[in-house]
Amino acid sequence: MDINRIVNLATYAGKIMLESGAEIYRVEETITRISRNYNIQDIDAFVTLNVIIVSASDEYGQTISVIKRVKQRTLNLEKISQVNDISRHIKDKSYTLDEMENKLSRIQHSKPYSTKTLILFSGIAAAFFSPVFGGNLQDFAVSFVIGCTLSILSKTLSFLQANEFFINIICGAVTALIALISVQLKIGSHVSIIIISSIMLLVPGLSITNAIRDTIAGDLISGISRGIEAFLVAIAIAAGTGSIIKLWFALGGIHL
């Protein structure tokens, strides 16, 4: 039994899940499950938002510790589901270590939806929030344009390696600016509805949910960290949106 290879494989699976936005307890559970399916019973995994630490011992007393640094996190529920499914069927399907490595590598390098698809559905998502908040067809159309714009803008800024706080400030500011201009030009009807519908794309709903789930599961460090992260994102959105609205009013623009 190659304990070094097994532990590194399990840690790799956990890293994929953590980078894809999985809850802490799910990452630890997956690492432990993979290791035990390959007959490593003495296994401990400690995971935070940025670090994975795994220590394991075999029946001969051989011990190995692995530390993985996670620098970037995104949201990809498909990768989480695939890694979770593979870890649960190792014994059923008799996966060898080579097969597991190949499967995890394919998952890690799998391509997300195309940029055009993401832009289109960002616009659709923002647009359909509009009638939920009482908007009309004009608000629907403007929200669609803003949704597409935010997707393009966030991807561009991410490519330029801008931090999330700055990206959300800019996106919030652009949302407010387009909404105000559209109503000024009689293209849109309700500034508040357009802004609320559009910034729903920026609201860190999953981070808030995972913060609560991690806290309830006893992972207090990660739960509090996710909560603070979500709070900072909300502040950034409010700062970007509020500054543009304040400036607009100061320059004598329309009132809500």
Protein backbone atom coordinates (compact mmCIF):
# COMPACT_ATOMS: atom_id res chain seq x y z
CA MET A 1 0.00 0.00 0.00
CA ASP A 2 1.47 3.33 -1.10
CA ILE A 3 0.31 5.57 1.75
CA ASN A 4 2.06 8.61 0.26
CA ARG A 5 0.22 8.29 -3.04
CA ILE A 6 -3.15 7.60 -1.41
CA VAL A 7 -2.98 10.56 0.95
CA ASN A 8 -1.88 12.90 -1.83
CA LEU A 9 -4.71 11.60 -4.01
CA ALA A 10 -7.28 12.17 -1.26
CA THR A 11 -5.89 15.65 -0.62
CA TYR A 12 -6.07 16.44 -4.33
CA ALA A 13 -9.76 15.49 -4.34
CA GLY A 14 -10.35 17.72 -1.33
CA LYS A 15 -8.52 20.59 -3.00
CA ILE A 16 -10.77 20.36 -6.08
CA MET A 17 -13.86 20.48 -3.88
CA LEU A 18 -12.61 23.38 -1.74
CA GLU A 19 -11.66 25.39 -4.83
CA SER A 20 -15.16 24.76 -6.19
CA GLY A 21 -16.92 26.16 -3.12
CA ALA A 22 -17.71 23.01 -1.10
CA GLU A 23 -18.50 23.11 2.62
CA ILE A 24 -15.63 22.33 4.99
CA TYR A 25 -17.23 19.23 6.50
CA ARG A 26 -17.86 17.81 3.01
CA VAL A 27 -14.21 18.26 2.03
CA GLU A 28 -12.98 16.57 5.23
CA GLU A 29 -15.49 13.77 4.80
CA THR A 30 -14.39 13.12 1.21
CA ILE A 31 -10.69 13.03 2.12
CA THR A 32 -11.39 10.59 4.94
CA ARG A 33 -13.66 8.38 2.82
CA ILE A 34 -11.15 8.06 -0.03
CA SER A 35 -8.32 7.19 2.35
CA ARG A 36 -10.35 4.55 4.20
CA ASN A 37 -11.52 2.98 0.95
CA TYR A 38 -7.85 2.33 0.24
CA ASN A 39 -7.38 0.78 3.71
CA ILE A 40 -5.92 3.74 5.58
CA GLN A 41 -7.94 3.79 8.77
CA ASP A 42 -5.86 6.22 10.86
CA ILE A 43 -6.57 9.44 8.97
CA ASP A 44 -7.11 13.00 10.16
CA ALA A 45 -8.06 15.94 7.93
CA PHE A 46 -8.20 19.56 8.98
CA VAL A 47 -9.55 22.03 6.44
CA THR A 48 -10.00 25.80 6.44
CA LEU A 49 -10.94 28.09 3.55
CA ASN A 50 -7.32 28.34 2.41
CA VAL A 51 -5.47 25.31 3.77
CA ILE A 52 -5.88 21.53 3.77
CA ILE A 53 -3.84 19.55 6.31
CA VAL A 54 -3.96 15.76 6.21
CA SER A 55 -2.10 13.29 8.42
CA ALA A 56 -2.33 9.51 8.11
CA SER A 57 -0.67 6.34 9.42
CA ASP A 58 -0.74 2.80 8.06
CA GLU A 59 -0.67 -0.52 9.94
CA TYR A 60 3.13 -0.48 9.98
CA GLY A 61 3.31 2.86 11.77
CA GLN A 62 4.37 4.76 8.67
CA THR A 63 3.07 8.34 8.91
CA ILE A 64 2.70 11.03 6.30
CA SER A 65 1.44 14.61 6.50
CA VAL A 66 0.36 16.71 3.53
CA ILE A 67 -0.40 20.44 3.41
CA LYS A 68 -2.12 22.02 0.42
CA ARG A 69 -2.56 25.77 0.01
CA VAL A 70 -5.76 26.88 -1.74
CA LYS A 71 -5.29 30.34 -3.21
CA GLN A 72 -8.36 30.66 -5.42
CA ARG A 73 -11.95 29.67 -4.81
CA THR A 74 -14.87 29.80 -7.20
CA LEU A 75 -18.29 28.19 -7.52
CA ASN A 76 -18.67 24.96 -9.46
CA LEU A 77 -21.28 22.62 -8.02
CA GLU A 78 -20.75 20.16 -10.88
CA LYS A 79 -17.15 19.48 -9.81
CA ILE A 80 -18.23 19.05 -6.19
CA SER A 81 -20.90 16.56 -7.23
CA GLN A 82 -18.53 14.58 -9.44
CA VAL A 83 -15.77 14.25 -6.83
CA ASN A 84 -18.33 13.35 -4.17
CA ASP A 85 -19.85 10.68 -6.43
CA ILE A 86 -16.48 9.13 -7.26
CA SER A 87 -15.45 8.98 -3.59
CA ARG A 88 -18.63 7.10 -2.72
CA HIS A 89 -18.17 4.43 -5.41
CA ILE A 90 -14.49 3.55 -5.09
CA LYS A 91 -15.16 0.07 -3.72
CA ASP A 92 -18.33 -0.56 -5.73
CA LYS A 93 -16.49 0.06 -9.01
CA SER A 94 -13.05 -1.09 -7.80
CA TYR A 95 -11.22 2.04 -8.88
CA THR A 96 -7.44 1.68 -8.89
CA LEU A 97 -5.21 4.59 -7.88
CA ASP A 98 -4.38 5.22 -11.55
CA GLU A 99 -8.07 5.35 -12.45
CA MET A 100 -8.80 7.71 -9.56
CA GLU A 101 -5.96 10.03 -10.58
CA ASN A 102 -7.21 10.11 -14.16
CA LYS A 103 -10.80 10.80 -13.12
CA LEU A 104 -9.82 13.58 -10.72
CA SER A 105 -7.53 15.13 -13.32
CA ARG A 106 -10.36 15.16 -15.87
CA ILE A 107 -12.67 16.80 -13.34
CA GLN A 108 -10.06 19.41 -12.43
CA HIS A 109 -9.43 20.35 -16.05
CA SER A 110 -13.00 20.08 -17.28
CA LYS A 111 -14.13 23.19 -19.13
CA PRO A 112 -16.92 25.33 -17.65
CA TYR A 113 -19.73 26.76 -19.72
CA SER A 114 -18.60 29.01 -22.55
CA THR A 115 -18.22 32.73 -21.96
CA LYS A 116 -21.12 33.52 -24.30
CA THR A 117 -23.41 31.16 -22.39
CA LEU A 118 -22.45 32.67 -19.02
CA ILE A 119 -23.02 36.21 -20.30
CA LEU A 120 -26.41 35.31 -21.78
CA PHE A 121 -27.71 33.58 -18.69
CA SER A 122 -26.38 36.28 -16.38
CA GLY A 123 -28.57 38.69 -18.31
CA ILE A 124 -31.54 36.33 -18.17
CA ALA A 125 -31.13 35.80 -14.41
CA ALA A 126 -31.02 39.54 -13.72
CA ALA A 127 -33.93 40.21 -16.05
CA PHE A 128 -36.24 37.66 -14.44
CA PHE A 129 -35.63 39.11 -10.99
CA SER A 130 -37.26 42.30 -12.27
CA PRO A 131 -40.88 41.03 -12.39
CA VAL A 132 -40.35 39.38 -9.01
CA PHE A 133 -39.77 42.84 -7.51
CA GLY A 134 -42.64 44.39 -9.44
CA GLY A 135 -40.83 45.70 -12.51
CA ASN A 136 -42.33 46.13 -15.96
CA LEU A 137 -41.07 45.17 -19.43
CA GLN A 138 -38.78 48.19 -19.63
CA ASP A 139 -37.13 47.29 -16.33
CA PHE A 140 -36.84 43.70 -17.58
CA ALA A 141 -34.93 44.81 -20.69
CA VAL A 142 -32.58 47.14 -18.82
CA SER A 143 -31.87 44.48 -16.17
CA PHE A 144 -30.97 42.04 -18.94
CA VAL A 145 -28.43 44.49 -20.38
CA ILE A 146 -26.94 45.17 -16.96
CA GLY A 147 -26.72 41.46 -16.18
CA CYS A 148 -24.76 40.82 -19.38
CA THR A 149 -22.55 43.84 -18.69
CA LEU A 150 -21.75 42.67 -15.15
CA SER A 151 -20.76 39.24 -16.41
CA ILE A 152 -18.37 40.72 -18.98
CA LEU A 153 -16.98 43.21 -16.48
CA SER A 154 -16.39 40.69 -13.69
CA LYS A 155 -14.67 38.26 -16.07
CA THR A 156 -12.44 41.01 -17.42
CA LEU A 157 -11.45 42.23 -13.96
CA SER A 158 -10.85 38.65 -12.77
CA PHE A 159 -8.58 38.10 -15.78
CA LEU A 160 -6.66 41.21 -14.72
CA GLN A 161 -6.37 39.62 -11.23
CA ALA A 162 -8.34 42.33 -9.44
CA ASN A 163 -9.49 41.35 -5.94
CA GLU A 164 -13.12 40.50 -5.21
CA PHE A 165 -13.74 43.61 -3.10
CA PHE A 166 -12.70 45.91 -5.94
CA ILE A 167 -14.66 43.89 -8.52
CA ASN A 168 -17.87 44.18 -6.50
CA ILE A 169 -17.40 47.92 -5.98
CA ILE A 170 -17.00 48.47 -9.72
CA CYS A 171 -19.91 46.16 -10.62
CA GLY A 172 -22.17 47.89 -8.08
CA ALA A 173 -21.20 51.31 -9.44
CA VAL A 174 -21.80 50.27 -13.07
CA THR A 175 -25.18 48.81 -12.13
CA ALA A 176 -26.34 52.03 -10.51
CA LEU A 177 -24.98 54.19 -13.33
CA ILE A 178 -26.70 52.24 -16.12
CA ALA A 179 -29.96 52.10 -14.15
CA LEU A 180 -29.96 55.85 -13.54
CA ILE A 181 -29.08 56.73 -17.13
CA SER A 182 -31.71 54.36 -18.52
CA VAL A 183 -34.47 55.93 -16.42
CA GLN A 184 -33.22 59.43 -17.27
CA LEU A 185 -33.53 58.53 -20.97
CA LYS A 186 -36.99 56.95 -20.40
CA ILE A 187 -35.67 53.51 -21.36
CA GLY A 188 -36.29 52.09 -17.89
CA SER A 189 -39.11 52.89 -15.45
CA HIS A 190 -37.96 52.18 -11.89
CA VAL A 191 -34.38 52.82 -10.79
CA SER A 192 -34.71 50.91 -7.53
CA ILE A 193 -36.18 47.79 -9.16
CA ILE A 194 -33.53 47.73 -11.88
CA ILE A 195 -30.70 48.10 -9.37
CA ILE A 196 -32.09 45.47 -6.98
CA SER A 197 -32.73 42.99 -9.80
CA SER A 198 -29.23 43.42 -11.22
CA ILE A 199 -27.19 43.29 -8.00
CA MET A 200 -28.85 39.98 -7.13
CA LEU A 201 -26.13 38.51 -9.37
CA LEU A 202 -23.51 39.87 -6.97
CA VAL A 203 -25.13 38.88 -3.68
CA PRO A 204 -23.00 36.14 -1.99
CA GLY A 205 -25.90 33.81 -1.26
CA LEU A 206 -23.86 30.60 -1.30
CA SER A 207 -21.16 32.09 0.95
CA ILE A 208 -23.79 33.05 3.50
CA THR A 209 -25.40 29.59 3.33
CA ASN A 210 -22.05 27.80 3.66
CA ALA A 211 -21.05 30.08 6.54
CA ILE A 212 -24.16 29.01 8.44
CA ARG A 213 -23.69 25.33 7.56
CA ASP A 214 -20.00 25.35 8.55
CA THR A 215 -20.81 27.06 11.85
CA ILE A 216 -23.57 24.58 12.67
CA ALA A 217 -21.22 21.70 11.76
CA GLY A 218 -18.68 23.03 14.29
CA ASP A 219 -16.18 24.47 11.80
CA LEU A 220 -16.13 27.84 13.53
CA ILE A 221 -13.00 29.24 11.87
CA SER A 222 -14.31 28.63 8.37
CA GLY A 223 -17.87 29.62 9.27
CA ILE A 224 -16.78 32.97 10.68
CA SER A 225 -14.37 33.52 7.77
CA ARG A 226 -17.08 32.89 5.20
CA GLY A 227 -19.45 35.17 7.11
CA ILE A 228 -16.90 38.00 7.13
CA GLU A 229 -16.19 37.41 3.45
CA ALA A 230 -19.90 37.67 2.61
CA PHE A 231 -20.21 40.80 4.78
CA LEU A 232 -17.31 42.47 2.95
CA VAL A 233 -18.85 41.63 -0.43
CA ALA A 234 -22.14 43.20 0.69
CA ILE A 235 -20.25 46.32 1.83
CA ALA A 236 -18.47 46.52 -1.54
CA ILE A 237 -21.75 46.28 -3.46
CA ALA A 238 -23.34 48.93 -1.25
CA ALA A 239 -20.31 51.21 -1.53
CA GLY A 240 -20.21 51.03 -5.32
CA THR A 241 -23.95 51.47 -5.77
CA GLY A 242 -24.38 54.10 -3.07
CA SER A 243 -21.49 56.28 -4.22
CA ILE A 244 -22.87 56.54 -7.76
CA ILE A 245 -26.40 57.31 -6.54
CA LYS A 246 -25.07 59.96 -4.15
CA LEU A 247 -22.94 61.53 -6.87
CA TRP A 248 -25.86 61.48 -9.30
CA PHE A 249 -28.12 63.32 -6.88
CA ALA A 250 -25.36 65.78 -6.01
CA LEU A 251 -25.06 66.67 -9.69
CA GLY A 252 -28.81 67.33 -9.92
CA GLY A 253 -29.95 64.06 -11.52
CA ILE A 254 -33.38 62.45 -11.19
CA HIS A 255 -34.67 61.33 -7.82
CA LEU A 256 -35.94 57.85 -7.00
